[in-house]
């Protein structure tokens, strides 16, 4: 989803080599080394990730290979060729318990496998490529071309007469093309360090689901739910973790200033 958006909004002057997972599995160290040595890019943009938060609890090794080893492989290849690495991360590296938006330098504390593996990926990138990395944390990403909450809700709305959606988790829904545009602007200014980047405006998952269905012109009965009744991996209640110290990188999208960590 994000990779496709990055490709679609790429500047006309940019020579882009777009690789899908079937073209290059980031967890394959030798393949990564071979491709990066052949292409010798100025920037590597890593949009790859194991993002199935619930499934990661049952598949921790798979999540670790993609979310932790993959970025490490890319960072080593970047170091060997002199490239810079832009790595996409997530609000799940925090525990969601803060009463205010998180800043880039706030202490991390992931609550689940997904968050822990994403944090491990961040740490590997910083350790291997200390001066040549840009880590962009985003959250609640949605758009065309990949699985996401909005697409799931619209599918369920067609299948069910009534939906239950949690109303006590807060975040900033972020449109993939907006984030992609911001990434290119960050690359253009040679940003480094760690940056939070998300659309402006906080919401709950209930708010997002209701808005998506209303926009899609569907009619459904809604029930506020404090929690889904089925078991789910631990999640923080407040993940609207994006700093107010930011600059506007594209329409309705705000990025925090980079912090070298």
Protein backbone atom coordinates (compact mmCIF):
# COMPACT_ATOMS: atom_id res chain seq x y z
CA UNK A 1 0.00 0.00 0.00
CA UNK A 2 2.57 2.61 1.09
CA UNK A 3 5.13 1.35 -1.41
CA UNK A 4 2.65 1.81 -4.23
CA UNK A 5 1.83 5.33 -3.03
CA UNK A 6 5.53 6.22 -2.84
CA UNK A 7 5.91 5.05 -6.41
CA UNK A 8 2.84 6.97 -7.67
CA UNK A 9 3.80 10.32 -6.15
CA UNK A 10 7.55 10.13 -6.88
CA UNK A 11 8.98 13.36 -8.32
CA UNK A 12 9.31 13.30 -12.10
CA UNK A 13 13.05 13.89 -11.80
CA UNK A 14 13.54 10.85 -9.55
CA UNK A 15 14.88 7.64 -11.06
CA UNK A 16 13.07 5.02 -9.01
CA UNK A 17 13.65 1.27 -8.86
CA UNK A 18 10.48 -0.20 -7.30
CA UNK A 19 10.80 -3.72 -5.88
CA UNK A 20 8.00 -5.83 -4.44
CA UNK A 21 8.52 -8.61 -1.92
CA UNK A 22 8.49 -11.15 -4.75
CA UNK A 23 11.33 -9.18 -6.36
CA UNK A 24 13.37 -8.75 -3.19
CA UNK A 25 12.68 -10.26 0.23
CA UNK A 26 14.32 -7.92 2.73
CA UNK A 27 14.90 -10.82 5.12
CA UNK A 28 17.24 -12.42 2.56
CA UNK A 29 20.58 -10.81 3.42
CA UNK A 30 22.44 -12.04 0.34
CA UNK A 31 19.71 -10.93 -2.03
CA UNK A 32 19.60 -7.49 -0.42
CA UNK A 33 23.37 -7.13 -0.67
CA UNK A 34 23.36 -8.21 -4.31
CA UNK A 35 20.55 -5.88 -5.42
CA UNK A 36 21.83 -2.82 -3.55
CA UNK A 37 25.36 -3.37 -4.89
CA UNK A 38 23.96 -3.61 -8.42
CA UNK A 39 21.66 -0.57 -8.26
CA UNK A 40 23.84 1.62 -5.99
CA UNK A 41 21.00 3.97 -4.94
CA UNK A 42 21.42 7.25 -3.11
CA UNK A 43 18.43 6.40 -0.90
CA UNK A 44 16.81 3.11 0.06
CA UNK A 45 13.16 3.53 1.10
CA UNK A 46 12.01 0.54 3.15
CA UNK A 47 8.22 0.22 3.04
CA UNK A 48 8.36 -3.53 3.70
CA UNK A 49 6.90 -4.80 6.94
CA UNK A 50 4.99 -7.57 8.65
CA UNK A 51 1.99 -5.51 9.73
CA UNK A 52 -0.52 -8.15 10.85
CA UNK A 53 -0.56 -7.08 14.49
CA UNK A 54 -2.81 -9.86 15.80
CA UNK A 55 -1.24 -12.62 13.73
CA UNK A 56 2.25 -11.63 14.88
CA UNK A 57 1.45 -13.06 18.32
CA UNK A 58 1.21 -16.51 16.71
CA UNK A 59 4.00 -15.91 14.18
CA UNK A 60 6.71 -14.05 16.12
CA UNK A 61 9.59 -15.54 14.13
CA UNK A 62 8.09 -14.40 10.82
CA UNK A 63 7.47 -10.92 12.21
CA UNK A 64 11.03 -10.77 13.52
CA UNK A 65 12.53 -11.79 10.19
CA UNK A 66 10.73 -9.06 8.26
CA UNK A 67 10.53 -6.27 10.85
CA UNK A 68 13.93 -6.67 12.54
CA UNK A 69 16.31 -8.64 10.34
CA UNK A 70 15.05 -7.03 7.14
CA UNK A 71 15.92 -3.46 8.16
CA UNK A 72 19.27 -4.68 9.49
CA UNK A 73 20.06 -6.24 6.11
CA UNK A 74 19.14 -3.02 4.32
CA UNK A 75 21.22 -0.93 6.71
CA UNK A 76 24.31 -3.11 6.15
CA UNK A 77 23.89 -2.90 2.39
CA UNK A 78 23.45 0.87 2.62
CA UNK A 79 26.60 1.15 4.72
CA UNK A 80 28.61 -0.82 2.16
CA UNK A 81 27.48 1.33 -0.79
CA UNK A 82 27.21 4.74 0.88
CA UNK A 83 23.43 4.92 0.53
CA UNK A 84 21.06 6.47 3.05
CA UNK A 85 18.15 4.47 4.43
CA UNK A 86 14.61 5.69 5.06
CA UNK A 87 12.87 3.14 7.27
CA UNK A 88 9.14 3.19 8.08
CA UNK A 89 8.19 2.41 11.68
CA UNK A 90 5.12 2.69 13.87
CA UNK A 91 3.42 4.12 16.94
CA UNK A 92 3.37 0.56 18.36
CA UNK A 93 6.90 1.11 19.71
CA UNK A 94 5.17 3.08 22.52
CA UNK A 95 2.88 1.71 25.21
CA UNK A 96 0.08 4.23 24.55
CA UNK A 97 -0.29 5.19 28.21
CA UNK A 98 0.91 8.78 28.01
CA UNK A 99 -1.61 11.56 28.59
CA UNK A 100 -0.07 13.71 25.84
CA UNK A 101 1.17 13.15 22.28
CA UNK A 102 4.48 11.30 22.14
CA UNK A 103 7.65 13.03 20.99
CA UNK A 104 10.41 11.38 19.01
CA UNK A 105 12.69 11.19 22.05
CA UNK A 106 10.12 9.77 24.47
CA UNK A 107 10.91 6.39 26.06
CA UNK A 108 9.64 3.43 24.08
CA UNK A 109 7.77 0.46 25.55
CA UNK A 110 6.03 -1.84 23.05
CA UNK A 111 3.26 -4.05 24.40
CA UNK A 112 3.11 -6.77 21.76
CA UNK A 113 5.17 -8.81 19.30
CA UNK A 114 4.56 -6.44 16.42
CA UNK A 115 5.75 -3.42 18.40
CA UNK A 116 8.78 -5.24 19.77
CA UNK A 117 9.91 -6.42 16.33
CA UNK A 118 9.44 -2.96 14.84
CA UNK A 119 11.48 -1.46 17.66
CA UNK A 120 14.21 -4.04 17.07
CA UNK A 121 14.28 -2.95 13.44
CA UNK A 122 14.67 0.69 14.46
CA UNK A 123 17.51 -0.13 16.83
CA UNK A 124 19.33 -2.18 14.19
CA UNK A 125 19.12 0.68 11.69
CA UNK A 126 20.48 3.18 14.22
CA UNK A 127 23.30 0.90 15.30
CA UNK A 128 24.43 -0.10 11.81
CA UNK A 129 23.92 3.22 10.03
CA UNK A 130 24.18 5.90 12.74
CA UNK A 131 24.74 8.88 10.41
CA UNK A 132 22.85 7.73 7.35
CA UNK A 133 19.36 6.80 8.49
CA UNK A 134 15.93 8.39 8.62
CA UNK A 135 13.30 6.55 10.66
CA UNK A 136 9.74 7.75 10.05
CA UNK A 137 7.14 6.59 12.56
CA UNK A 138 3.57 6.76 11.34
CA UNK A 139 0.24 5.31 12.47
CA UNK A 140 -3.20 4.07 11.43
CA UNK A 141 -2.23 3.99 7.76
CA UNK A 142 -4.97 3.51 5.17
CA UNK A 143 -5.28 3.75 1.41
CA UNK A 144 -5.62 1.71 -1.74
CA UNK A 145 -3.63 -1.35 -2.68
CA UNK A 146 -3.18 -3.16 0.61
CA UNK A 147 -4.91 -4.45 3.75
CA UNK A 148 -5.88 -1.77 6.27
CA UNK A 149 -8.58 -0.98 8.82
CA UNK A 150 -10.74 1.10 6.48
CA UNK A 151 -10.80 -1.58 3.80
CA UNK A 152 -11.65 -4.23 6.40
CA UNK A 153 -14.50 -2.18 7.87
CA UNK A 154 -16.03 -1.53 4.44
CA UNK A 155 -15.90 -5.24 3.67
CA UNK A 156 -17.51 -6.16 6.99
CA UNK A 157 -20.19 -3.51 6.50
CA UNK A 158 -21.23 -5.26 3.32
CA UNK A 159 -21.34 -8.63 5.08
CA UNK A 160 -22.96 -7.81 8.43
CA UNK A 161 -25.98 -5.89 9.61
CA UNK A 162 -24.29 -4.69 12.80
CA UNK A 163 -20.67 -4.04 13.71
CA UNK A 164 -18.86 -3.60 17.01
CA UNK A 165 -15.81 -1.31 17.00
CA UNK A 166 -13.70 -0.21 19.95
CA UNK A 167 -14.10 3.40 21.02
CA UNK A 168 -11.30 3.81 23.57
CA UNK A 169 -8.18 3.77 21.39
CA UNK A 170 -7.08 7.12 20.01
CA UNK A 171 -4.77 7.84 17.10
CA UNK A 172 -4.25 9.83 13.93
CA UNK A 173 -5.51 8.09 10.77
CA UNK A 174 -2.96 8.69 8.01
CA UNK A 175 -3.65 8.53 4.27
CA UNK A 176 -0.88 6.65 2.46
CA UNK A 177 -0.50 9.12 -0.46
CA UNK A 178 -0.15 12.02 2.02
CA UNK A 179 2.58 10.15 3.88
CA UNK A 180 4.30 9.21 0.62
CA UNK A 181 4.39 12.87 -0.44
CA UNK A 182 5.91 13.80 2.90
CA UNK A 183 8.57 11.09 2.56
CA UNK A 184 9.78 12.54 -0.72
CA UNK A 185 9.96 16.00 0.85
CA UNK A 186 12.00 14.61 3.75
CA UNK A 187 14.36 12.96 1.27
CA UNK A 188 14.67 16.22 -0.68
CA UNK A 189 15.85 18.05 2.43
CA UNK A 190 18.16 15.18 3.41
CA UNK A 191 16.45 14.69 6.77
CA UNK A 192 18.12 12.33 9.26
CA UNK A 193 17.28 10.82 12.63
CA UNK A 194 13.81 9.90 13.88
CA UNK A 195 10.65 11.67 12.74
CA UNK A 196 6.95 11.26 13.58
CA UNK A 197 4.70 11.82 10.58
CA UNK A 198 0.90 11.50 10.47
CA UNK A 199 -2.20 13.33 9.25
CA UNK A 200 -3.60 15.96 11.57
CA UNK A 201 -6.70 15.22 13.63
CA UNK A 202 -7.18 12.50 16.24
CA UNK A 203 -9.95 9.90 16.26
CA UNK A 204 -10.94 6.55 17.72
CA UNK A 205 -11.30 3.38 15.67
CA UNK A 206 -15.08 3.84 16.05
CA UNK A 207 -14.82 7.33 14.56
CA UNK A 208 -12.80 6.04 11.63
CA UNK A 209 -15.17 3.16 10.95
CA UNK A 210 -18.28 5.36 11.14
CA UNK A 211 -16.77 7.98 8.83
CA UNK A 212 -15.65 5.36 6.31
CA UNK A 213 -19.10 3.80 6.09
CA UNK A 214 -20.86 7.15 5.93
CA UNK A 215 -18.58 8.26 3.10
CA UNK A 216 -19.23 4.97 1.33
CA UNK A 217 -22.95 5.76 1.69
CA UNK A 218 -23.81 2.62 3.61
CA UNK A 219 -26.54 2.43 6.24
CA UNK A 220 -25.68 0.45 9.35
CA UNK A 221 -26.64 0.37 13.02
CA UNK A 222 -23.77 1.31 15.32
CA UNK A 223 -22.99 0.17 18.82
CA UNK A 224 -20.24 1.69 20.93
CA UNK A 225 -18.01 -1.05 22.33
CA UNK A 226 -15.49 -0.51 25.06
CA UNK A 227 -13.64 -3.61 23.86
CA UNK A 228 -14.20 -6.37 21.36
CA UNK A 229 -15.23 -9.52 23.13
CA UNK A 230 -12.66 -11.66 21.31
CA UNK A 231 -9.12 -11.84 22.77
CA UNK A 232 -6.62 -9.48 21.18
CA UNK A 233 -2.94 -8.67 21.65
CA UNK A 234 -2.22 -5.92 24.20
CA UNK A 235 -2.52 -2.42 22.77
CA UNK A 236 -2.13 1.04 24.25
CA UNK A 237 -5.28 3.13 24.60
CA UNK A 238 -3.73 6.37 23.41
CA UNK A 239 -1.45 6.16 20.41
CA UNK A 240 -1.97 9.70 19.11
CA UNK A 241 1.74 10.00 19.57
CA UNK A 242 2.76 12.69 17.18
CA UNK A 243 4.57 15.75 18.39
CA UNK A 244 3.19 19.25 18.13
CA UNK A 245 6.74 20.45 17.43
CA UNK A 246 6.39 19.57 13.76
CA UNK A 247 6.36 21.25 10.38
CA UNK A 248 3.71 20.76 7.72
CA UNK A 249 5.14 18.45 5.05
CA UNK A 250 2.03 18.16 2.90
CA UNK A 251 -1.68 18.95 3.09
CA UNK A 252 -3.00 18.14 6.55
CA UNK A 253 0.08 16.10 7.37
CA UNK A 254 2.50 17.03 10.11
CA UNK A 255 5.99 15.72 10.73
CA UNK A 256 8.03 16.19 13.87
CA UNK A 257 11.55 17.46 13.62
CA UNK A 258 14.16 14.76 13.22
CA UNK A 259 16.06 13.72 16.31
CA UNK A 260 19.44 12.04 16.01
CA UNK A 261 19.23 8.99 18.23
